[in-house]
Amino acid sequence: MPPLEPPPADPTRILTSDRIGAALGVPSDPHASRSDPALQLDGLERRSIAVVLGRSSHPLGGFAQTVLDQWDHLEADDQVAGLLLFAEITRRQRRAGLGVER
């Protein structure tokens, strides 16, 4: 029997304000790079974000999925923008689930 994959994590635990705050400083730090831990997404994190993107009706959901698919090839500033986009879509999806979407 193949090993079971862990269930996706809650993206709000992945896309925290601390992580995004740390990521925002990466493009302006001459010693930082896209290998900065704030910009790294492991397989479970990517899968969790992809699940939310797949369920979202956000107009940039398809673009966000493309950003996620190309993550390892993006420059740090594009990764920061991607994290911000993922966080916005995740927040919107969460509000929609609670019935308080704008």
C-alpha atoms as a PDB file:
ATOM      1  CA  MET A   1       0.000   0.000   0.000  1.00  0.00           C
ATOM      2  CA  PRO A   2       1.449   3.444  -0.933  1.00  0.00           C
ATOM      3  CA  PRO A   3       2.091   5.860   1.933  1.00  0.00           C
ATOM      4  CA  LEU A   4      -0.760   8.239   2.620  1.00  0.00           C
ATOM      5  CA  GLU A   5      -0.148  11.900   1.867  1.00  0.00           C
ATOM      6  CA  PRO A   6      -0.770  14.238   4.766  1.00  0.00           C
ATOM      7  CA  PRO A   7      -3.883  16.369   4.382  1.00  0.00           C
ATOM      8  CA  PRO A   8      -3.358  19.940   3.206  1.00  0.00           C
ATOM      9  CA  ALA A   9      -2.521  22.442   5.916  1.00  0.00           C
ATOM     10  CA  ASP A  10      -4.618  25.510   6.597  1.00  0.00           C
ATOM     11  CA  PRO A  11      -3.142  28.158   4.244  1.00  0.00           C
ATOM     12  CA  THR A  12      -3.726  30.861   6.843  1.00  0.00           C
ATOM     13  CA  ARG A  13      -1.099  29.078   8.949  1.00  0.00           C
ATOM     14  CA  ILE A  14       1.273  29.162   5.979  1.00  0.00           C
ATOM     15  CA  LEU A  15       0.610  32.727   4.841  1.00  0.00           C
ATOM     16  CA  THR A  16       1.003  34.420   8.205  1.00  0.00           C
ATOM     17  CA  SER A  17       1.623  38.129   8.616  1.00  0.00           C
ATOM     18  CA  ASP A  18       5.033  37.313  10.132  1.00  0.00           C
ATOM     19  CA  ARG A  19       6.055  35.323   7.076  1.00  0.00           C
ATOM     20  CA  ILE A  20       4.790  37.936   4.654  1.00  0.00           C
ATOM     21  CA  GLY A  21       6.474  40.694   6.665  1.00  0.00           C
ATOM     22  CA  ALA A  22       9.778  38.815   6.494  1.00  0.00           C
ATOM     23  CA  ALA A  23       9.290  38.210   2.765  1.00  0.00           C
ATOM     24  CA  LEU A  24       8.652  41.900   2.109  1.00  0.00           C
ATOM     25  CA  GLY A  25      12.175  42.702   3.276  1.00  0.00           C
ATOM     26  CA  VAL A  26      13.881  40.165   1.010  1.00  0.00           C
ATOM     27  CA  PRO A  27      13.949  42.125  -2.295  1.00  0.00           C
ATOM     28  CA  SER A  28      15.508  45.167  -0.608  1.00  0.00           C
ATOM     29  CA  ASP A  29      18.124  43.172   1.326  1.00  0.00           C
ATOM     30  CA  PRO A  30      21.306  42.915  -0.774  1.00  0.00           C
ATOM     31  CA  HIS A  31      22.347  39.743   1.116  1.00  0.00           C
ATOM     32  CA  ALA A  32      19.021  37.939   0.738  1.00  0.00           C
ATOM     33  CA  SER A  33      17.935  35.807  -2.191  1.00  0.00           C
ATOM     34  CA  ARG A  34      15.003  33.744  -3.323  1.00  0.00           C
ATOM     35  CA  SER A  35      16.395  30.947  -1.147  1.00  0.00           C
ATOM     36  CA  ASP A  36      15.361  32.991   1.899  1.00  0.00           C
ATOM     37  CA  PRO A  37      13.209  30.825   4.224  1.00  0.00           C
ATOM     38  CA  ALA A  38      10.342  33.330   4.068  1.00  0.00           C
ATOM     39  CA  LEU A  39      10.045  32.637   0.329  1.00  0.00           C
ATOM     40  CA  GLN A  40      10.363  28.863   0.432  1.00  0.00           C
ATOM     41  CA  LEU A  41       7.247  26.746  -0.032  1.00  0.00           C
ATOM     42  CA  ASP A  42       7.525  23.026   0.625  1.00  0.00           C
ATOM     43  CA  GLY A  43       5.359  20.437  -1.090  1.00  0.00           C
ATOM     44  CA  LEU A  44       2.648  20.395   1.570  1.00  0.00           C
ATOM     45  CA  GLU A  45       2.452  24.191   1.604  1.00  0.00           C
ATOM     46  CA  ARG A  46       2.168  24.300  -2.184  1.00  0.00           C
ATOM     47  CA  ARG A  47      -0.534  21.640  -2.163  1.00  0.00           C
ATOM     48  CA  SER A  48      -2.470  23.515   0.519  1.00  0.00           C
ATOM     49  CA  ILE A  49      -2.335  26.755  -1.432  1.00  0.00           C
ATOM     50  CA  ALA A  50      -3.257  24.945  -4.669  1.00  0.00           C
ATOM     51  CA  VAL A  51      -6.381  23.502  -3.008  1.00  0.00           C
ATOM     52  CA  VAL A  52      -7.570  26.991  -2.068  1.00  0.00           C
ATOM     53  CA  LEU A  53      -6.738  28.364  -5.518  1.00  0.00           C
ATOM     54  CA  GLY A  54      -8.642  25.510  -7.144  1.00  0.00           C
ATOM     55  CA  ARG A  55     -11.753  26.295  -5.100  1.00  0.00           C
ATOM     56  CA  SER A  56     -11.561  30.045  -5.553  1.00  0.00           C
ATOM     57  CA  SER A  57     -13.683  32.113  -7.909  1.00  0.00           C
ATOM     58  CA  HIS A  58     -11.234  35.005  -7.525  1.00  0.00           C
ATOM     59  CA  PRO A  59     -10.562  36.603 -10.929  1.00  0.00           C
ATOM     60  CA  LEU A  60      -6.802  36.118 -10.437  1.00  0.00           C
ATOM     61  CA  GLY A  61      -7.096  32.510  -9.272  1.00  0.00           C
ATOM     62  CA  GLY A  62      -5.794  31.063 -12.546  1.00  0.00           C
ATOM     63  CA  PHE A  63      -2.901  33.502 -12.626  1.00  0.00           C
ATOM     64  CA  ALA A  64      -2.110  32.682  -8.991  1.00  0.00           C
ATOM     65  CA  GLN A  65      -1.975  28.981  -9.877  1.00  0.00           C
ATOM     66  CA  THR A  66       0.508  29.782 -12.662  1.00  0.00           C
ATOM     67  CA  VAL A  67       2.625  31.740 -10.169  1.00  0.00           C
ATOM     68  CA  LEU A  68       2.561  28.760  -7.807  1.00  0.00           C
ATOM     69  CA  ASP A  69       3.479  26.353 -10.634  1.00  0.00           C
ATOM     70  CA  GLN A  70       6.488  28.504 -11.586  1.00  0.00           C
ATOM     71  CA  TRP A  71       7.521  29.277  -7.992  1.00  0.00           C
ATOM     72  CA  ASP A  72      11.049  27.884  -8.151  1.00  0.00           C
ATOM     73  CA  HIS A  73      11.852  29.942 -11.250  1.00  0.00           C
ATOM     74  CA  LEU A  74      10.573  33.320 -10.027  1.00  0.00           C
ATOM     75  CA  GLU A  75      12.720  36.172  -8.770  1.00  0.00           C
ATOM     76  CA  ALA A  76      12.347  37.146  -5.113  1.00  0.00           C
ATOM     77  CA  ASP A  77      10.167  40.193  -5.819  1.00  0.00           C
ATOM     78  CA  ASP A  78       7.757  38.056  -7.866  1.00  0.00           C
ATOM     79  CA  GLN A  79       7.641  35.482  -5.068  1.00  0.00           C
ATOM     80  CA  VAL A  80       6.770  38.223  -2.567  1.00  0.00           C
ATOM     81  CA  ALA A  81       3.978  39.413  -4.864  1.00  0.00           C
ATOM     82  CA  GLY A  82       2.818  35.801  -5.148  1.00  0.00           C
ATOM     83  CA  LEU A  83       2.655  35.395  -1.372  1.00  0.00           C
ATOM     84  CA  LEU A  84       0.573  38.560  -1.142  1.00  0.00           C
ATOM     85  CA  LEU A  85      -1.759  37.307  -3.867  1.00  0.00           C
ATOM     86  CA  PHE A  86      -2.085  33.872  -2.253  1.00  0.00           C
ATOM     87  CA  ALA A  87      -2.868  35.529   1.093  1.00  0.00           C
ATOM     88  CA  GLU A  88      -5.562  37.735  -0.434  1.00  0.00           C
ATOM     89  CA  ILE A  89      -7.237  34.833  -2.219  1.00  0.00           C
ATOM     90  CA  THR A  90      -7.038  32.696   0.937  1.00  0.00           C
ATOM     91  CA  ARG A  91      -8.602  35.458   3.058  1.00  0.00           C
ATOM     92  CA  ARG A  92     -11.369  35.961   0.526  1.00  0.00           C
ATOM     93  CA  GLN A  93     -12.051  32.236   0.314  1.00  0.00           C
ATOM     94  CA  ARG A  94     -12.192  32.027   4.092  1.00  0.00           C
ATOM     95  CA  ARG A  95     -14.631  34.965   4.310  1.00  0.00           C
ATOM     96  CA  ALA A  96     -16.755  33.377   1.574  1.00  0.00           C
ATOM     97  CA  GLY A  97     -16.908  30.167   3.610  1.00  0.00           C
ATOM     98  CA  LEU A  98     -18.096  32.179   6.594  1.00  0.00           C
ATOM     99  CA  GLY A  99     -20.656  34.044   4.495  1.00  0.00           C
ATOM    100  CA  VAL A 100     -19.027  37.451   4.908  1.00  0.00           C
ATOM    101  CA  GLU A 101     -17.419  37.966   1.477  1.00  0.00           C
ATOM    102  CA  ARG A 102     -17.343  41.544   0.236  1.00  0.00           C
END
